[in-house]
Structure formats: C-alpha cells, structure tokens
PDB file of N, CA and C in Angstrom:
ATOM      1  N   UNK A   1       9.614   0.762-137.585  1.00  0.00           N
ATOM      2  CA  UNK A   1      10.769   0.128-138.196  1.00  0.00           C
ATOM      3  C   UNK A   1      10.781   0.386-139.703  1.00  0.00           C
ATOM      4  N   UNK A   2       9.615   0.521-140.282  1.00  0.00           N
ATOM      5  CA  UNK A   2       9.523   0.772-141.715  1.00  0.00           C
ATOM      6  C   UNK A   2      10.159   2.109-142.074  1.00  0.00           C
ATOM      7  N   UNK A   3      10.011   3.125-141.184  1.00  0.00           N
ATOM      8  CA  UNK A   3      10.636   4.428-141.434  1.00  0.00           C
ATOM      9  C   UNK A   3      12.154   4.293-141.496  1.00  0.00           C
ATOM     10  N   UNK A   4      12.697   3.476-140.608  1.00  0.00           N
ATOM     11  CA  UNK A   4      14.145   3.250-140.623  1.00  0.00           C
ATOM     12  C   UNK A   4      14.563   2.615-141.950  1.00  0.00           C
ATOM     13  N   UNK A   5      13.824   1.611-142.379  1.00  0.00           N
ATOM     14  CA  UNK A   5      14.166   0.911-143.614  1.00  0.00           C
ATOM     15  C   UNK A   5      14.090   1.851-144.811  1.00  0.00           C
ATOM     16  N   UNK A   6      13.067   2.689-144.846  1.00  0.00           N
ATOM     17  CA  UNK A   6      12.917   3.646-145.934  1.00  0.00           C
ATOM     18  C   UNK A   6      14.092   4.613-145.956  1.00  0.00           C
ATOM     19  N   UNK A   7      14.472   5.134-144.800  1.00  0.00           N
ATOM     20  CA  UNK A   7      15.604   6.054-144.721  1.00  0.00           C
ATOM     21  C   UNK A   7      16.910   5.365-145.090  1.00  0.00           C
ATOM     22  N   UNK A   8      17.066   4.133-144.650  1.00  0.00           N
ATOM     23  CA  UNK A   8      18.274   3.379-144.972  1.00  0.00           C
ATOM     24  C   UNK A   8      18.415   3.218-146.488  1.00  0.00           C
ATOM     25  N   UNK A   9      17.332   2.833-147.140  1.00  0.00           N
ATOM     26  CA  UNK A   9      17.369   2.659-148.584  1.00  0.00           C
ATOM     27  C   UNK A   9      17.673   3.976-149.294  1.00  0.00           C
ATOM     28  N   UNK A  10      17.078   5.067-148.835  1.00  0.00           N
ATOM     29  CA  UNK A  10      17.314   6.374-149.447  1.00  0.00           C
ATOM     30  C   UNK A  10      18.770   6.802-149.278  1.00  0.00           C
ATOM     31  N   UNK A  11      19.321   6.617-148.089  1.00  0.00           N
ATOM     32  CA  UNK A  11      20.710   6.991-147.849  1.00  0.00           C
ATOM     33  C   UNK A  11      21.665   6.173-148.713  1.00  0.00           C
ATOM     34  N   UNK A  12      21.424   4.883-148.824  1.00  0.00           N
ATOM     35  CA  UNK A  12      22.285   4.025-149.656  1.00  0.00           C
ATOM     36  C   UNK A  12      22.196   4.444-151.130  1.00  0.00           C
ATOM     37  N   UNK A  13      20.984   4.747-151.587  1.00  0.00           N
ATOM     38  CA  UNK A  13      20.800   5.183-152.976  1.00  0.00           C
ATOM     39  C   UNK A  13      21.508   6.511-153.215  1.00  0.00           C
ATOM     40  N   UNK A  14      21.339   7.462-152.298  1.00  0.00           N
ATOM     41  CA  UNK A  14      21.989   8.766-152.443  1.00  0.00           C
ATOM     42  C   UNK A  14      23.514   8.633-152.422  1.00  0.00           C
ATOM     43  N   UNK A  15      24.029   7.760-151.570  1.00  0.00           N
ATOM     44  CA  UNK A  15      25.476   7.542-151.513  1.00  0.00           C
ATOM     45  C   UNK A  15      25.981   6.972-152.833  1.00  0.00           C
ATOM     46  N   UNK A  16      25.225   6.040-153.402  1.00  0.00           N
ATOM     47  CA  UNK A  16      25.627   5.457-154.684  1.00  0.00           C
ATOM     48  C   UNK A  16      25.601   6.499-155.800  1.00  0.00           C
ATOM     49  N   UNK A  17      24.603   7.366-155.783  1.00  0.00           N
ATOM     50  CA  UNK A  17      24.520   8.416-156.793  1.00  0.00           C
ATOM     51  C   UNK A  17      25.681   9.400-156.665  1.00  0.00           C
ATOM     52  N   UNK A  18      26.031   9.755-155.441  1.00  0.00           N
ATOM     53  CA  UNK A  18      27.169  10.655-155.236  1.00  0.00           C
ATOM     54  C   UNK A  18      28.470  10.002-155.708  1.00  0.00           C
ATOM     55  N   UNK A  19      28.613   8.717-155.443  1.00  0.00           N
ATOM     56  CA  UNK A  19      29.813   8.009-155.890  1.00  0.00           C
ATOM     57  C   UNK A  19      29.878   7.974-157.415  1.00  0.00           C
ATOM     58  N   UNK A  20      28.732   7.794-158.057  1.00  0.00           N
ATOM     59  CA  UNK A  20      28.702   7.799-159.519  1.00  0.00           C
ATOM     60  C   UNK A  20      29.094   9.167-160.068  1.00  0.00           C
ATOM     61  N   UNK A  21      28.543  10.221-159.475  1.00  0.00           N
ATOM     62  CA  UNK A  21      28.894  11.581-159.906  1.00  0.00           C
ATOM     63  C   UNK A  21      30.385  11.819-159.705  1.00  0.00           C
ATOM     64  N   UNK A  22      30.911  11.372-158.562  1.00  0.00           N
ATOM     65  CA  UNK A  22      32.349  11.501-158.290  1.00  0.00           C
ATOM     66  C   UNK A  22      33.173  10.830-159.376  1.00  0.00           C
ATOM     67  N   UNK A  23      32.750   9.636-159.751  1.00  0.00           N
ATOM     68  CA  UNK A  23      33.498   8.873-160.744  1.00  0.00           C
ATOM     69  C   UNK A  23      33.414   9.479-162.142  1.00  0.00           C
ATOM     70  N   UNK A  24      32.313  10.160-162.434  1.00  0.00           N
ATOM     71  CA  UNK A  24      32.128  10.742-163.764  1.00  0.00           C
ATOM     72  C   UNK A  24      32.644  12.174-163.875  1.00  0.00           C
ATOM     73  N   UNK A  25      32.848  12.820-162.733  1.00  0.00           N
ATOM     74  CA  UNK A  25      33.284  14.227-162.745  1.00  0.00           C
ATOM     75  C   UNK A  25      34.698  14.348-163.286  1.00  0.00           C
ATOM     76  N   UNK A  26      34.905  15.398-164.038  1.00  0.00           N
ATOM     77  CA  UNK A  26      36.246  15.666-164.561  1.00  0.00           C
ATOM     78  C   UNK A  26      36.948  16.740-163.739  1.00  0.00           C
ATOM     79  N   UNK A  27      36.174  17.498-162.994  1.00  0.00           N
ATOM     80  CA  UNK A  27      36.714  18.558-162.149  1.00  0.00           C
ATOM     81  C   UNK A  27      37.152  17.965-160.812  1.00  0.00           C
ATOM     82  N   UNK A  28      38.387  18.222-160.427  1.00  0.00           N
ATOM     83  CA  UNK A  28      38.949  17.658-159.193  1.00  0.00           C
ATOM     84  C   UNK A  28      38.148  18.061-157.954  1.00  0.00           C
ATOM     85  N   UNK A  29      37.707  19.313-157.904  1.00  0.00           N
ATOM     86  CA  UNK A  29      36.938  19.785-156.747  1.00  0.00           C
ATOM     87  C   UNK A  29      35.606  19.026-156.634  1.00  0.00           C
ATOM     88  N   UNK A  30      34.958  18.779-157.769  1.00  0.00           N
ATOM     89  CA  UNK A  30      33.697  18.021-157.758  1.00  0.00           C
ATOM     90  C   UNK A  30      33.934  16.581-157.328  1.00  0.00           C
ATOM     91  N   UNK A  31      35.026  16.010-157.802  1.00  0.00           N
ATOM     92  CA  UNK A  31      35.348  14.641-157.412  1.00  0.00           C
ATOM     93  C   UNK A  31      35.504  14.537-155.899  1.00  0.00           C
ATOM     94  N   UNK A  32      36.222  15.483-155.328  1.00  0.00           N
ATOM     95  CA  UNK A  32      36.449  15.472-153.882  1.00  0.00           C
ATOM     96  C   UNK A  32      35.157  15.711-153.112  1.00  0.00           C
ATOM     97  N   UNK A  33      34.366  16.684-153.560  1.00  0.00           N
ATOM     98  CA  UNK A  33      33.104  16.996-152.879  1.00  0.00           C
ATOM     99  C   UNK A  33      32.163  15.802-152.897  1.00  0.00           C
ATOM    100  N   UNK A  34      31.946  15.221-154.061  1.00  0.00           N
ATOM    101  CA  UNK A  34      31.017  14.111-154.161  1.00  0.00           C
ATOM    102  C   UNK A  34      31.574  12.843-153.507  1.00  0.00           C
ATOM    103  N   UNK A  35      32.880  12.717-153.456  1.00  0.00           N
ATOM    104  CA  UNK A  35      33.481  11.619-152.711  1.00  0.00           C
ATOM    105  C   UNK A  35      33.207  11.739-151.221  1.00  0.00           C
ATOM    106  N   UNK A  36      33.369  12.961-150.702  1.00  0.00           N
ATOM    107  CA  UNK A  36      33.068  13.196-149.279  1.00  0.00           C
ATOM    108  C   UNK A  36      31.590  12.976-148.990  1.00  0.00           C
ATOM    109  N   UNK A  37      30.726  13.443-149.890  1.00  0.00           N
ATOM    110  CA  UNK A  37      29.291  13.241-149.702  1.00  0.00           C
ATOM    111  C   UNK A  37      28.936  11.755-149.695  1.00  0.00           C
ATOM    112  N   UNK A  38      29.504  11.003-150.627  1.00  0.00           N
ATOM    113  CA  UNK A  38      29.248   9.561-150.679  1.00  0.00           C
ATOM    114  C   UNK A  38      29.694   8.881-149.390  1.00  0.00           C
ATOM    115  N   UNK A  39      30.868   9.250-148.905  1.00  0.00           N
ATOM    116  CA  UNK A  39      31.380   8.668-147.660  1.00  0.00           C
ATOM    117  C   UNK A  39      30.481   9.027-146.478  1.00  0.00           C
ATOM    118  N   UNK A  40      30.078  10.284-146.410  1.00  0.00           N
ATOM    119  CA  UNK A  40      29.242  10.752-145.300  1.00  0.00           C
ATOM    120  C   UNK A  40      27.882  10.046-145.310  1.00  0.00           C
ATOM    121  N   UNK A  41      27.281   9.949-146.474  1.00  0.00           N
ATOM    122  CA  UNK A  41      25.980   9.287-146.561  1.00  0.00           C
ATOM    123  C   UNK A  41      26.087   7.802-146.216  1.00  0.00           C
ATOM    124  N   UNK A  42      27.193   7.185-146.566  1.00  0.00           N
ATOM    125  CA  UNK A  42      27.404   5.776-146.208  1.00  0.00           C
ATOM    126  C   UNK A  42      27.510   5.598-144.702  1.00  0.00           C
ATOM    127  N   UNK A  43      28.195   6.524-144.051  1.00  0.00           N
ATOM    128  CA  UNK A  43      28.306   6.473-142.590  1.00  0.00           C
ATOM    129  C   UNK A  43      26.924   6.649-141.952  1.00  0.00           C
ATOM    130  N   UNK A  44      26.157   7.590-142.465  1.00  0.00           N
ATOM    131  CA  UNK A  44      24.803   7.797-141.939  1.00  0.00           C
ATOM    132  C   UNK A  44      23.947   6.540-142.124  1.00  0.00           C
ATOM    133  N   UNK A  45      24.054   5.909-143.275  1.00  0.00           N
ATOM    134  CA  UNK A  45      23.304   4.682-143.526  1.00  0.00           C
ATOM    135  C   UNK A  45      23.731   3.589-142.542  1.00  0.00           C
ATOM    136  N   UNK A  46      25.015   3.492-142.287  1.00  0.00           N
ATOM    137  CA  UNK A  46      25.503   2.507-141.312  1.00  0.00           C
ATOM    138  C   UNK A  46      24.928   2.781-139.923  1.00  0.00           C
ATOM    139  N   UNK A  47      24.820   4.048-139.557  1.00  0.00           N
ATOM    140  CA  UNK A  47      24.267   4.404-138.255  1.00  0.00           C
ATOM    141  C   UNK A  47      22.775   4.074-138.167  1.00  0.00           C
ATOM    142  N   UNK A  48      22.046   4.302-139.231  1.00  0.00           N
ATOM    143  CA  UNK A  48      20.626   3.948-139.254  1.00  0.00           C
ATOM    144  C   UNK A  48      20.481   2.437-139.134  1.00  0.00           C
ATOM    145  N   UNK A  49      21.311   1.711-139.846  1.00  0.00           N
ATOM    146  CA  UNK A  49      21.267   0.253-139.793  1.00  0.00           C
ATOM    147  C   UNK A  49      21.578  -0.249-138.381  1.00  0.00           C
ATOM    148  N   UNK A  50      22.547   0.369-137.724  1.00  0.00           N
ATOM    149  CA  UNK A  50      22.879  -0.008-136.344  1.00  0.00           C
ATOM    150  C   UNK A  50      21.710   0.283-135.409  1.00  0.00           C
ATOM    151  N   UNK A  51      21.056   1.410-135.606  1.00  0.00           N
ATOM    152  CA  UNK A  51      19.892   1.756-134.779  1.00  0.00           C
ATOM    153  C   UNK A  51      18.768   0.743-134.988  1.00  0.00           C
ATOM    154  N   UNK A  52      18.582   0.315-136.218  1.00  0.00           N
ATOM    155  CA  UNK A  52      17.567  -0.709-136.500  1.00  0.00           C
ATOM    156  C   UNK A  52      17.895  -1.999-135.754  1.00  0.00           C
ATOM    157  N   UNK A  53      19.151  -2.378-135.798  1.00  0.00           N
ATOM    158  CA  UNK A  53      19.577  -3.604-135.120  1.00  0.00           C
ATOM    159  C   UNK A  53      19.383  -3.491-133.609  1.00  0.00           C
ATOM    160  N   UNK A  54      19.730  -2.335-133.043  1.00  0.00           N
ATOM    161  CA  UNK A  54      19.568  -2.116-131.603  1.00  0.00           C
ATOM    162  C   UNK A  54      18.102  -2.201-131.197  1.00  0.00           C
ATOM    163  N   UNK A  55      17.234  -1.597-131.987  1.00  0.00           N
ATOM    164  CA  UNK A  55      15.800  -1.659-131.686  1.00  0.00           C
ATOM    165  C   UNK A  55      15.279  -3.068-131.757  1.00  0.00           C
ATOM    166  N   UNK A  56      15.778  -3.837-132.725  1.00  0.00           N
ATOM    167  CA  UNK A  56      15.320  -5.206-132.905  1.00  0.00           C
ATOM    168  C   UNK A  56      15.737  -6.089-131.729  1.00  0.00           C
ATOM    169  N   UNK A  57      16.969  -5.880-131.244  1.00  0.00           N
ATOM    170  CA  UNK A  57      17.475  -6.723-130.149  1.00  0.00           C
ATOM    171  C   UNK A  57      16.941  -6.255-128.789  1.00  0.00           C
ATOM    172  N   UNK A  58      16.461  -5.025-128.689  1.00  0.00           N
ATOM    173  CA  UNK A  58      15.951  -4.505-127.421  1.00  0.00           C
ATOM    174  C   UNK A  58      14.558  -5.031-127.110  1.00  0.00           C
ATOM    175  N   UNK A  59      13.912  -5.607-128.075  1.00  0.00           N
ATOM    176  CA  UNK A  59      12.528  -6.069-127.857  1.00  0.00           C
ATOM    177  C   UNK A  59      12.474  -7.362-127.142  1.00  0.00           C
TER     178      UNK A  59
END
C-alpha cells in the first residue's frame, strides 16, 4: 500500500508542476501541452487512489 501512496503523491506533485508551467508559459503550444499533461496526470492519480480504495475494501 505504501507504493501506491508514494506513486499517488508523485503524480499529484507532477500534475501541480505541469499546471504551474502551463500558467507561466507565454507560448500557446506550451500552455496546451502542459495543460494536457496536468489533466492526464490528475486522471492517473485518481485511478491510483481508486485502486488504493478498492484494495482497502477488499480486505
């Protein structure tokens, strides 16, 4: 379970960093790319969190 938590924290941190880069970028293409990356990493983090919850309730 600790591996899940570590990955969850890393994904959330990476998503926040991508969102920050998106917000600071002046180039439209960079804004779009980092926005998509932030969204994708957030979805992955949500999936890891759901897997953690499923494992917890399956016990």
